[in-house]
Amino acid sequence: MSTIPEGLVLKGSPAEPRGRSLAAGRAFQPGELIATFTSPSIAIPDSPHLSTTCSGCLLPATSTDLGSSQLAREVRACTGCRAVFYCSPKCQKLDWATGGHKAECKVFKRVRAEGHDFLPTPVRALVQVLLRPEMSAAMGELEGHVDAFRRVGGKLWADMELQAMAALHYIGRETNPKNLAEAIDVLCKSHVNAFNRLDVDTEQTGLFMHPSLAIINHNCIPNAFVQFVGRKAVLHAYQEIKETEEIEISYIDCTLHRSHRQDALKTRYHFVCNCLRCKEDLDVYQVCRMYPHLRLNSFSVATDIQEHLDTHTTSLFGGKKGLSTTIEDIYPSCSTPLTSLDSADTHKQLRSRWKACKPLRDPNPSAYAIEPLSRVLSEASVYFAVQGSLAYSLCIASFLATSVDPIKSPVPFAPQRVKGLLMTAKLLANDLGATLGGTKALTSTDGLSGAIIEAFRKTDQPTVCQALLELVLHYAPAVNSKEWSVYREAEDLLKDLESLPGREMSNTLVKRFMRNPNGFEERAFFDNFVLEPLRRLAALCIRIMDTEFEC
């Protein structure tokens, strides 16, 4: 059994309905660090990213400096197996000593000798466990639901059998029933208890498994959340947690529709969630209204969050469940990833998705924070940014930051909200005067083009950008830590912005607001020079979407 971090208390037993759990050893405030989980049993990049990720610190490689705090990070292959990469001798020694590569290096040599570049991620994790007795012992008390996986069968079980045989082959063990059973047991435990480190915004990938972290139970209305910093996991309080109260996180995206949450939990974790959100089929507006610390949004770009909630006084899924049924019909047309599509096909898909989500746009009030509509808006913002239509992208990003993300995650230090602020700030940092437009250049002063030009004319981009970056720096440590790449990128952008000539007065005003956000003059400055410009840009979001994607 691994050590439970200080501040947490182990409760329950495997025989209880919810199994073991971790409870607070003392009271915690919103955003406070509850515990740090070090010395994981498994901490590896996804295998397709092995050549672009350091297997020591788990940070992605970069070919150029990203700023004064983020120097170029080049990775070089292990001279033994040529399959695993490191950014420094220090990281290589760390992974050799504690990360498992000492045991697996010879295995990778055999893999490459047989014509393969790497092992699939689950197989590599299995190899590490089988070759290290201490890891097998650490996983001994974890639940794997092997019988449940076997009963369900299908492709997942067939894949596990193949993965088990592959691992045994490469480590040179006989493929007999005993060894196969042991390997499949480890695979099932890894599948259930390992955390996916994937974060496309920060290019973070891989698996992280820590036996103590795996004890924390699930709730679709969590009171805590987990983030990853290299080879560590950090657990922060999402809301106030009283002493002895059980710590609960969400294993999945808890803003998904109920049927999709239930399916994800049943498929991977083999349980049916009976939390309040699931039992009463609460929508995101109802869950947001329940959050006990909405007042924290007074220091954010969502100071009007209560106004949004006041327009949604009844359940969107109530009555005859019409909207809930409609969402079930919408999801299939919005579920295919857009990353592999070219520009024309992406535009076609976005048009189809915007049309499919019309039932969520039509109600009075509209339900833009409901999935999959909110995801379509995010995809559109990314699409326009890639196309160079930065003004369109910024208007949509502003709408998400002020009207959508705060409903989905009502605390201002939620990971997606902080990353959304950085995205908006980066768009503002561009010379948008030279790039105004969507798929068509903005040459007219009438209609949408004129409205966008007028909105930008009234916006002091550097000041809004600076204020957003200050908010990122303020809240990022409560999300992750000052080691988070989001914090470091915001820090570098802010330094560049503050160094611009003629910015002394604006710099002073932004700093004064950050020190005293409740001051009369400071609040007036923030409302007039930051919030109002953002809201003007956000108000153009739906017009842009309708212009580009309405059939």
Protein backbone atom coordinates (compact mmCIF):
# COMPACT_ATOMS: atom_id res chain seq x y z
CA MET A 1 0.00 0.00 0.00
CA SER A 2 1.45 3.38 -1.01
CA THR A 3 1.60 6.20 1.50
CA ILE A 4 -1.45 8.48 1.77
CA PRO A 5 -0.31 12.12 1.41
CA GLU A 6 -0.53 14.42 4.40
CA GLY A 7 -3.89 16.13 4.71
CA LEU A 8 -5.85 13.08 3.59
CA VAL A 9 -7.32 10.19 5.55
CA LEU A 10 -8.09 6.70 4.25
CA LYS A 11 -11.61 5.47 4.96
CA GLY A 12 -13.80 2.48 4.11
CA SER A 13 -12.84 -0.92 2.76
CA PRO A 14 -12.94 -2.73 -0.61
CA ALA A 15 -16.00 -4.65 0.60
CA GLU A 16 -18.17 -1.50 0.90
CA PRO A 17 -20.39 -0.42 -2.03
CA ARG A 18 -18.16 2.56 -2.88
CA GLY A 19 -15.00 0.79 -1.76
CA ARG A 20 -12.27 2.75 -0.06
CA SER A 21 -12.19 6.53 -0.11
CA LEU A 22 -10.03 9.48 0.87
CA ALA A 23 -11.39 12.15 3.21
CA ALA A 24 -10.09 15.57 4.21
CA GLY A 25 -7.84 15.52 7.26
CA ARG A 26 -8.59 19.22 7.74
CA ALA A 27 -10.72 21.92 6.15
CA PHE A 28 -9.76 23.25 2.70
CA GLN A 29 -10.81 26.46 0.95
CA PRO A 30 -11.67 26.78 -2.78
CA GLY A 31 -8.53 26.54 -4.89
CA GLU A 32 -6.35 25.37 -2.01
CA LEU A 33 -3.83 22.62 -2.64
CA ILE A 34 -5.05 19.48 -0.88
CA ALA A 35 -2.21 17.10 -1.68
CA THR A 36 0.62 16.33 -4.10
CA PHE A 37 1.07 12.77 -5.32
CA THR A 38 4.69 11.91 -6.12
CA SER A 39 6.49 8.66 -7.00
CA PRO A 40 3.80 7.27 -9.32
CA SER A 41 3.72 3.61 -10.26
CA ILE A 42 3.34 4.57 -13.92
CA ALA A 43 4.14 7.91 -15.55
CA ILE A 44 4.78 7.63 -19.28
CA PRO A 45 4.02 9.59 -22.47
CA ASP A 46 1.66 8.14 -25.04
CA SER A 47 3.77 5.92 -27.27
CA PRO A 48 3.07 7.87 -30.51
CA HIS A 49 4.57 10.92 -28.75
CA LEU A 50 7.69 9.17 -27.41
CA SER A 51 10.00 10.89 -29.90
CA THR A 52 8.60 14.35 -29.08
CA THR A 53 8.30 14.07 -25.28
CA CYS A 54 10.88 13.76 -22.53
CA SER A 55 10.20 10.52 -20.68
CA GLY A 56 11.83 11.97 -17.57
CA CYS A 57 9.98 15.24 -16.95
CA LEU A 58 7.14 14.32 -19.38
CA LEU A 59 7.30 17.77 -21.01
CA PRO A 60 6.89 18.12 -24.78
CA ALA A 61 9.87 19.05 -26.92
CA THR A 62 10.08 22.54 -28.40
CA SER A 63 12.36 23.59 -31.25
CA THR A 64 12.49 27.28 -30.33
CA ASP A 65 12.43 29.39 -27.19
CA LEU A 66 8.86 30.10 -26.05
CA GLY A 67 9.95 32.96 -23.83
CA SER A 68 12.36 33.88 -21.08
CA SER A 69 10.93 31.21 -18.76
CA GLN A 70 10.53 28.53 -21.44
CA LEU A 71 13.75 27.81 -23.30
CA ALA A 72 13.90 25.43 -26.24
CA ARG A 73 13.61 21.82 -25.12
CA GLU A 74 15.23 19.33 -27.49
CA VAL A 75 14.95 15.61 -26.83
CA ARG A 76 17.48 12.92 -27.70
CA ALA A 77 17.05 9.18 -27.91
CA CYS A 78 18.31 6.78 -25.27
CA THR A 79 21.58 5.42 -26.63
CA GLY A 80 20.58 1.93 -25.55
CA CYS A 81 17.16 1.36 -27.13
CA ARG A 82 16.76 4.45 -29.35
CA ALA A 83 13.02 4.34 -28.56
CA VAL A 84 12.71 6.58 -25.48
CA PHE A 85 13.75 10.25 -25.49
CA TYR A 86 15.03 12.73 -22.89
CA CYS A 87 15.65 16.46 -22.71
CA SER A 88 18.65 16.21 -20.37
CA PRO A 89 20.99 13.72 -18.69
CA LYS A 90 19.21 14.55 -15.41
CA CYS A 91 15.87 13.38 -16.80
CA GLN A 92 17.46 10.25 -18.26
CA LYS A 93 18.98 9.35 -14.90
CA LEU A 94 15.65 10.00 -13.18
CA ASP A 95 13.75 7.71 -15.53
CA TRP A 96 16.45 5.06 -15.32
CA ALA A 97 16.41 5.08 -11.53
CA THR A 98 12.73 5.56 -10.71
CA GLY A 99 10.72 5.63 -13.92
CA GLY A 100 11.14 2.07 -15.06
CA HIS A 101 13.38 2.45 -18.09
CA LYS A 102 16.20 0.44 -16.54
CA ALA A 103 13.92 -2.57 -16.63
CA GLU A 104 12.40 -1.92 -20.06
CA CYS A 105 15.41 -0.73 -22.11
CA LYS A 106 16.33 -4.26 -23.23
CA VAL A 107 12.69 -4.90 -24.09
CA PHE A 108 12.63 -1.90 -26.44
CA LYS A 109 15.78 -3.22 -28.14
CA ARG A 110 13.90 -6.42 -28.89
CA VAL A 111 10.88 -4.45 -30.11
CA ARG A 112 13.02 -2.49 -32.56
CA ALA A 113 14.87 -5.62 -33.64
CA GLU A 114 11.51 -7.04 -34.71
CA GLY A 115 10.76 -3.98 -36.83
CA HIS A 116 8.57 -1.87 -34.51
CA ASP A 117 9.28 1.67 -33.35
CA PHE A 118 7.55 1.33 -29.97
CA LEU A 119 5.07 -0.62 -27.88
CA PRO A 120 1.45 0.55 -27.60
CA THR A 121 1.00 2.62 -24.44
CA PRO A 122 -0.98 -0.03 -22.46
CA VAL A 123 1.60 -2.69 -23.37
CA ARG A 124 4.49 -0.51 -22.27
CA ALA A 125 2.76 0.18 -18.94
CA LEU A 126 2.17 -3.55 -18.50
CA VAL A 127 5.82 -4.35 -19.28
CA GLN A 128 6.98 -1.89 -16.62
CA VAL A 129 4.74 -3.48 -13.99
CA LEU A 130 5.65 -7.07 -14.85
CA LEU A 131 9.37 -6.30 -14.72
CA ARG A 132 9.22 -4.46 -11.39
CA PRO A 133 7.91 -6.48 -8.42
CA GLU A 134 7.44 -3.35 -6.30
CA MET A 135 4.99 -2.01 -8.87
CA SER A 136 3.03 -5.25 -8.91
CA ALA A 137 2.81 -5.09 -5.12
CA ALA A 138 1.65 -1.44 -5.21
CA MET A 139 -1.19 -2.38 -7.55
CA GLY A 140 -2.21 -5.39 -5.48
CA GLU A 141 -5.08 -3.72 -3.59
CA LEU A 142 -6.54 -1.90 -6.58
CA GLU A 143 -9.82 -3.00 -8.16
CA GLY A 144 -9.56 -4.23 -11.74
CA HIS A 145 -13.09 -5.57 -12.47
CA VAL A 146 -11.56 -8.40 -14.48
CA ASP A 147 -14.74 -10.49 -14.40
CA ALA A 148 -16.80 -7.53 -15.59
CA PHE A 149 -14.41 -6.89 -18.50
CA ARG A 150 -14.55 -10.59 -19.38
CA ARG A 151 -18.37 -10.68 -19.30
CA VAL A 152 -18.64 -7.64 -21.56
CA GLY A 153 -16.09 -9.17 -23.93
CA GLY A 154 -15.99 -7.50 -27.31
CA LYS A 155 -13.07 -5.63 -28.85
CA LEU A 156 -11.72 -4.26 -25.56
CA TRP A 157 -11.32 -7.73 -24.02
CA ALA A 158 -9.85 -9.11 -27.24
CA ASP A 159 -7.36 -6.22 -27.31
CA MET A 160 -6.37 -6.89 -23.70
CA GLU A 161 -5.65 -10.54 -24.48
CA LEU A 162 -3.45 -9.51 -27.42
CA GLN A 163 -1.70 -6.87 -25.32
CA ALA A 164 -1.01 -9.38 -22.57
CA MET A 165 0.48 -11.86 -25.03
CA ALA A 166 2.62 -9.14 -26.63
CA ALA A 167 4.03 -8.01 -23.27
CA LEU A 168 4.87 -11.59 -22.24
CA HIS A 169 6.54 -12.19 -25.59
CA TYR A 170 8.79 -9.14 -25.36
CA ILE A 171 9.85 -9.76 -21.75
CA GLY A 172 10.59 -13.40 -22.60
CA ARG A 173 7.96 -15.11 -20.44
CA GLU A 174 5.92 -18.13 -21.39
CA THR A 175 2.37 -17.44 -22.55
CA ASN A 176 0.70 -19.87 -20.17
CA PRO A 177 -2.66 -19.44 -18.38
CA LYS A 178 -1.04 -18.26 -15.14
CA ASN A 179 1.10 -15.58 -16.77
CA LEU A 180 -1.74 -14.48 -19.03
CA ALA A 181 -4.09 -14.13 -16.07
CA GLU A 182 -1.53 -12.02 -14.19
CA ALA A 183 -0.93 -9.79 -17.22
CA ILE A 184 -4.65 -9.27 -17.90
CA ASP A 185 -5.23 -8.47 -14.23
CA VAL A 186 -2.63 -5.70 -14.45
CA LEU A 187 -4.13 -4.40 -17.71
CA CYS A 188 -7.59 -4.22 -16.17
CA LYS A 189 -6.28 -2.42 -13.08
CA SER A 190 -4.38 0.03 -15.24
CA HIS A 191 -7.44 0.64 -17.41
CA VAL A 192 -9.61 1.40 -14.38
CA ASN A 193 -7.14 3.26 -12.15
CA ALA A 194 -4.72 5.11 -14.44
CA PHE A 195 -5.33 8.77 -15.29
CA ASN A 196 -5.08 10.10 -18.81
CA ARG A 197 -2.68 13.07 -18.83
CA LEU A 198 -3.96 14.24 -22.21
CA ASP A 199 -4.33 18.01 -22.55
CA VAL A 200 -4.32 19.13 -26.17
CA ASP A 201 -3.99 22.79 -25.13
CA THR A 202 -0.62 22.19 -23.47
CA GLU A 203 0.47 19.22 -25.65
CA GLN A 204 0.52 16.98 -22.60
CA THR A 205 -0.04 13.25 -23.11
CA GLY A 206 0.41 9.94 -21.36
CA LEU A 207 -0.66 7.79 -18.45
CA PHE A 208 -0.27 8.49 -14.76
CA MET A 209 -1.06 5.94 -12.09
CA HIS A 210 -0.66 6.36 -8.36
CA PRO A 211 -2.35 3.82 -6.06
CA SER A 212 -3.33 6.44 -3.48
CA LEU A 213 -4.76 8.85 -6.06
CA ALA A 214 -6.75 5.97 -7.55
CA ILE A 215 -8.63 5.55 -4.26
CA ILE A 216 -10.49 8.86 -4.70
CA ASN A 217 -14.10 8.26 -5.71
CA HIS A 218 -16.12 9.88 -8.47
CA ASN A 219 -18.92 12.42 -8.43
CA CYS A 220 -20.37 14.36 -11.37
CA ILE A 221 -20.54 17.36 -9.00
CA PRO A 222 -17.00 17.06 -7.61
CA ASN A 223 -15.52 19.01 -4.72
CA ALA A 224 -11.92 18.63 -5.97
CA PHE A 225 -9.98 18.19 -9.22
CA VAL A 226 -6.65 16.75 -10.37
CA GLN A 227 -3.98 18.29 -12.60
CA PHE A 228 -0.55 17.02 -13.59
CA VAL A 229 2.84 18.69 -13.24
CA GLY A 230 5.49 16.53 -14.85
CA ARG A 231 5.73 13.34 -12.78
CA LYS A 232 3.45 14.72 -10.05
CA ALA A 233 -0.32 14.96 -9.65
CA VAL A 234 -1.76 17.88 -7.71
CA LEU A 235 -5.17 17.75 -6.04
CA HIS A 236 -6.94 21.09 -5.49
CA ALA A 237 -10.22 21.92 -3.76
CA TYR A 238 -12.98 22.94 -6.16
CA GLN A 239 -15.04 24.29 -3.29
CA GLU A 240 -14.88 24.48 0.48
CA ILE A 241 -14.29 21.03 1.98
CA LYS A 242 -14.90 20.39 5.65
CA GLU A 243 -12.72 18.19 7.83
CA THR A 244 -13.67 14.47 7.46
CA GLU A 245 -15.66 15.23 4.26
CA GLU A 246 -15.00 12.75 1.45
CA ILE A 247 -12.85 14.01 -1.42
CA GLU A 248 -14.54 13.41 -4.78
CA ILE A 249 -13.32 14.15 -8.30
CA SER A 250 -14.87 13.61 -11.71
CA TYR A 251 -13.34 10.77 -13.71
CA ILE A 252 -14.86 12.17 -16.92
CA ASP A 253 -16.04 15.44 -18.43
CA CYS A 254 -18.96 16.01 -16.08
CA THR A 255 -20.59 18.58 -18.39
CA LEU A 256 -21.48 15.89 -20.92
CA HIS A 257 -25.09 14.81 -21.25
CA ARG A 258 -26.18 12.24 -18.64
CA SER A 259 -26.38 9.28 -21.01
CA HIS A 260 -22.84 9.93 -22.24
CA ARG A 261 -21.50 10.27 -18.70
CA GLN A 262 -23.22 7.06 -17.64
CA ASP A 263 -21.95 5.19 -20.68
CA ALA A 264 -18.36 6.36 -20.14
CA LEU A 265 -18.41 5.41 -16.45
CA LYS A 266 -20.02 2.03 -17.09
CA THR A 267 -17.69 1.13 -19.95
CA ARG A 268 -14.40 2.01 -18.28
CA TYR A 269 -15.08 1.92 -14.55
CA HIS A 270 -17.98 -0.56 -14.33
CA PHE A 271 -20.32 1.37 -12.08
CA VAL A 272 -23.53 3.35 -12.40
CA CYS A 273 -23.29 6.87 -10.99
CA ASN A 274 -26.12 7.81 -8.62
CA CYS A 275 -24.97 11.34 -7.82
CA LEU A 276 -27.48 14.18 -7.65
CA ARG A 277 -26.57 15.39 -11.13
CA CYS A 278 -27.35 11.98 -12.61
CA LYS A 279 -30.40 11.12 -10.47
CA GLU A 280 -32.18 14.39 -11.25
CA ASP A 281 -30.66 14.89 -14.74
CA LEU A 282 -29.51 18.40 -13.84
CA ASP A 283 -28.34 20.67 -16.65
CA VAL A 284 -25.21 22.82 -16.35
CA TYR A 285 -27.20 25.92 -15.44
CA GLN A 286 -28.81 24.14 -12.49
CA VAL A 287 -25.48 22.74 -11.31
CA CYS A 288 -23.86 26.16 -11.64
CA ARG A 289 -26.62 27.70 -9.53
CA MET A 290 -25.87 25.15 -6.79
CA TYR A 291 -22.18 26.11 -6.55
CA PRO A 292 -21.70 27.65 -3.09
CA HIS A 293 -19.02 30.19 -4.03
CA LEU A 294 -20.44 32.07 -7.03
CA ARG A 295 -19.26 35.27 -5.35
CA LEU A 296 -15.70 34.38 -6.41
CA ASN A 297 -16.68 35.43 -9.92
CA SER A 298 -16.68 39.07 -8.81
CA PHE A 299 -12.95 38.86 -9.54
CA SER A 300 -13.22 37.47 -13.07
CA VAL A 301 -14.63 38.25 -16.52
CA ALA A 302 -17.94 36.66 -15.45
CA THR A 303 -19.10 39.20 -12.90
CA ASP A 304 -22.60 38.90 -14.40
CA ILE A 305 -22.84 35.13 -13.94
CA GLN A 306 -25.95 35.48 -11.79
CA GLU A 307 -27.71 37.35 -14.59
CA HIS A 308 -27.09 34.40 -16.92
CA LEU A 309 -28.49 32.03 -14.32
CA ASP A 310 -31.55 34.20 -13.70
CA THR A 311 -32.59 33.67 -17.31
CA HIS A 312 -32.56 29.89 -16.79
CA THR A 313 -34.93 29.41 -13.89
CA THR A 314 -36.33 26.01 -14.90
CA SER A 315 -34.70 22.78 -15.98
CA LEU A 316 -33.92 22.53 -19.67
CA PHE A 317 -34.43 18.79 -19.37
CA GLY A 318 -37.65 18.97 -17.37
CA GLY A 319 -41.25 18.40 -18.41
CA LYS A 320 -41.57 15.91 -21.22
CA LYS A 321 -37.80 15.48 -21.55
CA GLY A 322 -38.09 16.83 -25.09
CA LEU A 323 -34.79 18.69 -25.11
CA SER A 324 -32.97 15.81 -23.43
CA THR A 325 -34.20 13.48 -26.16
CA THR A 326 -33.21 15.99 -28.82
CA ILE A 327 -29.66 16.15 -27.46
CA GLU A 328 -29.40 12.40 -27.90
CA ASP A 329 -30.18 12.96 -31.58
CA ILE A 330 -27.69 15.82 -31.90
CA TYR A 331 -24.63 14.12 -30.41
CA PRO A 332 -23.89 11.65 -33.26
CA SER A 333 -23.56 14.46 -35.80
CA CYS A 334 -21.16 16.37 -33.52
CA SER A 335 -18.89 13.61 -32.26
CA THR A 336 -16.35 13.11 -35.07
CA PRO A 337 -12.98 14.80 -34.40
CA LEU A 338 -12.17 17.62 -36.81
CA THR A 339 -8.39 17.45 -36.46
CA SER A 340 -7.81 15.29 -39.56
CA LEU A 341 -10.04 17.32 -41.89
CA ASP A 342 -8.91 19.97 -44.35
CA SER A 343 -10.28 23.50 -44.26
CA ALA A 344 -13.20 22.91 -46.62
CA ASP A 345 -14.37 19.76 -44.87
CA THR A 346 -13.99 21.39 -41.44
CA HIS A 347 -16.17 24.29 -42.56
CA LYS A 348 -18.72 21.83 -43.94
CA GLN A 349 -18.76 19.89 -40.67
CA LEU A 350 -19.13 23.05 -38.58
CA ARG A 351 -22.05 24.15 -40.73
CA SER A 352 -23.70 20.77 -40.23
CA ARG A 353 -23.11 20.89 -36.46
CA TRP A 354 -24.38 24.44 -36.10
CA LYS A 355 -27.55 23.40 -37.90
CA ALA A 356 -27.91 20.25 -35.78
CA CYS A 357 -27.65 22.33 -32.59
CA LYS A 358 -30.49 24.64 -33.62
CA PRO A 359 -32.85 23.20 -30.94
CA LEU A 360 -30.36 24.37 -28.30
CA ARG A 361 -30.12 27.82 -29.89
CA ASP A 362 -33.84 28.36 -30.35
CA PRO A 363 -35.19 28.20 -26.78
CA ASN A 364 -35.68 31.48 -25.00
CA PRO A 365 -33.19 31.67 -23.42
CA SER A 366 -30.73 29.76 -25.60
CA ALA A 367 -28.60 27.07 -24.00
CA TYR A 368 -25.11 27.81 -25.32
CA ALA A 369 -23.39 26.18 -22.33
CA ILE A 370 -25.06 22.82 -23.04
CA GLU A 371 -23.05 20.14 -24.83
CA PRO A 372 -22.52 19.64 -27.69
CA LEU A 373 -23.34 23.27 -28.61
CA SER A 374 -20.55 24.69 -26.44
CA ARG A 375 -18.05 22.34 -28.08
CA VAL A 376 -19.15 23.50 -31.56
CA LEU A 377 -18.40 27.08 -30.54
CA SER A 378 -14.94 26.05 -29.31
CA GLU A 379 -14.26 24.18 -32.55
CA ALA A 380 -15.34 27.22 -34.57
CA SER A 381 -13.01 29.51 -32.62
CA VAL A 382 -10.08 27.20 -33.32
CA TYR A 383 -11.08 26.88 -36.97
CA PHE A 384 -11.10 30.65 -37.51
CA ALA A 385 -7.77 31.04 -35.71
CA VAL A 386 -6.16 28.42 -37.97
CA GLN A 387 -7.63 30.17 -41.03
CA GLY A 388 -6.16 33.48 -39.91
CA SER A 389 -9.59 34.98 -39.21
CA LEU A 390 -8.42 36.18 -35.82
CA ALA A 391 -11.19 38.72 -35.29
CA TYR A 392 -13.86 36.04 -35.69
CA SER A 393 -11.91 33.69 -33.45
CA LEU A 394 -11.55 36.38 -30.78
CA CYS A 395 -15.26 37.24 -30.73
CA ILE A 396 -16.17 33.59 -30.21
CA ALA A 397 -13.41 33.11 -27.60
CA SER A 398 -14.72 36.19 -25.75
CA PHE A 399 -18.24 34.73 -25.74
CA LEU A 400 -16.95 31.43 -24.40
CA ALA A 401 -14.90 33.16 -21.69
CA THR A 402 -17.72 35.41 -20.50
CA SER A 403 -20.93 33.44 -21.08
CA VAL A 404 -20.22 29.71 -21.56
CA ASP A 405 -17.18 28.51 -19.62
CA PRO A 406 -18.31 30.20 -16.35
CA ILE A 407 -21.60 28.26 -16.49
CA LYS A 408 -19.87 24.95 -17.17
CA SER A 409 -17.22 25.63 -14.53
CA PRO A 410 -18.51 28.25 -12.07
CA VAL A 411 -15.21 28.74 -10.24
CA PRO A 412 -12.78 31.24 -11.85
CA PHE A 413 -9.77 28.96 -11.28
CA ALA A 414 -11.25 26.05 -13.27
CA PRO A 415 -8.62 24.76 -15.73
CA GLN A 416 -10.68 25.38 -18.86
CA ARG A 417 -11.54 28.92 -17.81
CA VAL A 418 -7.91 29.85 -17.16
CA LYS A 419 -6.82 28.33 -20.46
CA GLY A 420 -9.67 30.16 -22.18
CA LEU A 421 -8.45 33.48 -20.77
CA LEU A 422 -4.96 32.78 -22.11
CA MET A 423 -6.38 31.91 -25.53
CA THR A 424 -8.34 35.16 -25.59
CA ALA A 425 -5.29 37.14 -24.48
CA LYS A 426 -3.12 35.58 -27.20
CA LEU A 427 -5.68 36.55 -29.83
CA LEU A 428 -5.76 40.09 -28.45
CA ALA A 429 -1.96 40.22 -28.60
CA ASN A 430 -2.10 40.03 -32.40
CA ASP A 431 -2.38 43.07 -34.62
CA LEU A 432 -6.02 42.48 -35.33
CA GLY A 433 -6.32 45.70 -37.28
CA ALA A 434 -4.49 43.95 -40.09
CA THR A 435 -6.38 40.69 -39.85
CA LEU A 436 -10.02 41.68 -39.26
CA GLY A 437 -12.37 39.30 -40.96
CA GLY A 438 -13.78 35.86 -41.40
CA THR A 439 -13.71 33.88 -44.58
CA LYS A 440 -14.26 37.21 -46.33
CA ALA A 441 -12.26 40.39 -45.78
CA LEU A 442 -13.99 43.08 -43.78
CA THR A 443 -14.13 45.92 -46.25
CA SER A 444 -17.63 47.22 -45.58
CA THR A 445 -18.65 49.43 -42.70
CA ASP A 446 -22.19 48.04 -42.82
CA GLY A 447 -23.69 44.97 -41.19
CA LEU A 448 -21.47 42.47 -39.39
CA SER A 449 -18.24 43.86 -40.84
CA GLY A 450 -19.07 47.33 -39.61
CA ALA A 451 -20.08 46.04 -36.17
CA ILE A 452 -16.77 44.20 -35.77
CA ILE A 453 -14.73 47.20 -36.92
CA GLU A 454 -16.62 49.44 -34.50
CA ALA A 455 -16.12 46.99 -31.61
CA PHE A 456 -12.38 46.93 -32.21
CA ARG A 457 -12.24 50.70 -32.55
CA LYS A 458 -13.59 50.94 -28.99
CA THR A 459 -11.21 48.31 -27.61
CA ASP A 460 -7.80 49.05 -26.12
CA GLN A 461 -6.40 45.64 -27.05
CA PRO A 462 -3.16 45.84 -25.03
CA THR A 463 -5.03 46.84 -21.85
CA VAL A 464 -7.63 44.06 -22.16
CA CYS A 465 -4.87 41.59 -22.99
CA GLN A 466 -2.78 42.68 -20.00
CA ALA A 467 -5.72 42.37 -17.58
CA LEU A 468 -6.52 38.86 -18.83
CA LEU A 469 -2.90 37.77 -18.46
CA GLU A 470 -2.85 39.11 -14.90
CA LEU A 471 -5.96 37.03 -14.13
CA VAL A 472 -4.27 33.95 -15.61
CA LEU A 473 -1.24 34.48 -13.36
CA HIS A 474 -3.51 35.05 -10.37
CA TYR A 475 -5.56 31.87 -10.81
CA ALA A 476 -3.11 29.44 -12.47
CA PRO A 477 -1.47 28.34 -9.18
CA ALA A 478 -4.93 27.34 -7.87
CA VAL A 479 -5.41 25.25 -11.01
CA ASN A 480 -2.03 23.62 -11.23
CA SER A 481 1.12 25.43 -10.09
CA LYS A 482 3.61 28.04 -11.24
CA GLU A 483 5.30 25.21 -13.14
CA TRP A 484 2.27 24.94 -15.44
CA SER A 485 3.08 25.87 -19.03
CA VAL A 486 -0.02 28.10 -19.09
CA TYR A 487 1.39 30.16 -16.21
CA ARG A 488 4.82 30.44 -17.82
CA GLU A 489 3.42 31.43 -21.22
CA ALA A 490 1.21 34.10 -19.65
CA GLU A 491 4.18 35.37 -17.64
CA ASP A 492 6.31 35.78 -20.76
CA LEU A 493 3.52 37.47 -22.73
CA LEU A 494 2.90 39.89 -19.86
CA LYS A 495 6.57 40.85 -19.64
CA ASP A 496 6.62 41.62 -23.37
CA LEU A 497 3.42 43.65 -23.11
CA GLU A 498 4.55 45.67 -20.10
CA SER A 499 7.79 46.57 -21.87
CA LEU A 500 6.01 48.33 -24.74
CA PRO A 501 6.67 52.08 -24.78
CA GLY A 502 3.85 54.38 -23.68
CA ARG A 503 2.16 51.73 -21.53
CA GLU A 504 3.15 53.12 -18.14
CA MET A 505 -0.26 54.52 -17.20
CA SER A 506 -2.17 51.43 -18.35
CA ASN A 507 0.31 49.16 -16.56
CA THR A 508 -0.29 51.10 -13.35
CA LEU A 509 -4.09 50.94 -13.65
CA VAL A 510 -4.11 47.18 -14.29
CA LYS A 511 -1.78 46.58 -11.35
CA ARG A 512 -3.93 48.75 -9.09
CA PHE A 513 -7.00 46.70 -9.98
CA MET A 514 -5.20 43.41 -9.28
CA ARG A 515 -4.17 44.71 -5.85
CA ASN A 516 -7.57 46.19 -4.96
CA PRO A 517 -10.33 44.72 -7.18
CA ASN A 518 -13.10 46.05 -4.93
CA GLY A 519 -11.92 49.65 -4.96
CA PHE A 520 -14.41 52.06 -6.57
CA GLU A 521 -11.97 53.55 -9.10
CA GLU A 522 -10.23 50.24 -9.73
CA ARG A 523 -13.53 48.46 -10.36
CA ALA A 524 -14.73 51.25 -12.67
CA PHE A 525 -11.52 50.92 -14.69
CA PHE A 526 -11.93 47.14 -15.03
CA ASP A 527 -15.62 47.35 -15.93
CA ASN A 528 -15.16 50.08 -18.55
CA PHE A 529 -11.83 49.15 -20.13
CA VAL A 530 -11.82 45.34 -19.83
CA LEU A 531 -15.29 43.87 -19.30
CA GLU A 532 -17.25 46.15 -21.61
CA PRO A 533 -14.89 45.65 -24.59
CA LEU A 534 -14.97 41.88 -24.04
CA ARG A 535 -18.75 41.88 -23.91
CA ARG A 536 -18.98 43.96 -27.09
CA LEU A 537 -16.81 41.42 -28.87
CA ALA A 538 -18.72 38.51 -27.34
CA ALA A 539 -22.03 40.00 -28.49
CA LEU A 540 -20.92 39.45 -32.10
CA CYS A 541 -20.29 35.71 -31.66
CA ILE A 542 -23.70 34.40 -32.69
CA ARG A 543 -23.92 36.78 -35.68
CA ILE A 544 -20.58 35.44 -36.87
CA MET A 545 -21.69 31.83 -36.45
CA ASP A 546 -24.97 32.47 -38.26
CA THR A 547 -23.22 34.33 -41.09
CA GLU A 548 -20.65 31.59 -41.63
CA PHE A 549 -22.61 28.44 -40.89
CA GLU A 550 -26.35 29.09 -41.17
CA CYS A 551 -27.68 27.33 -44.28
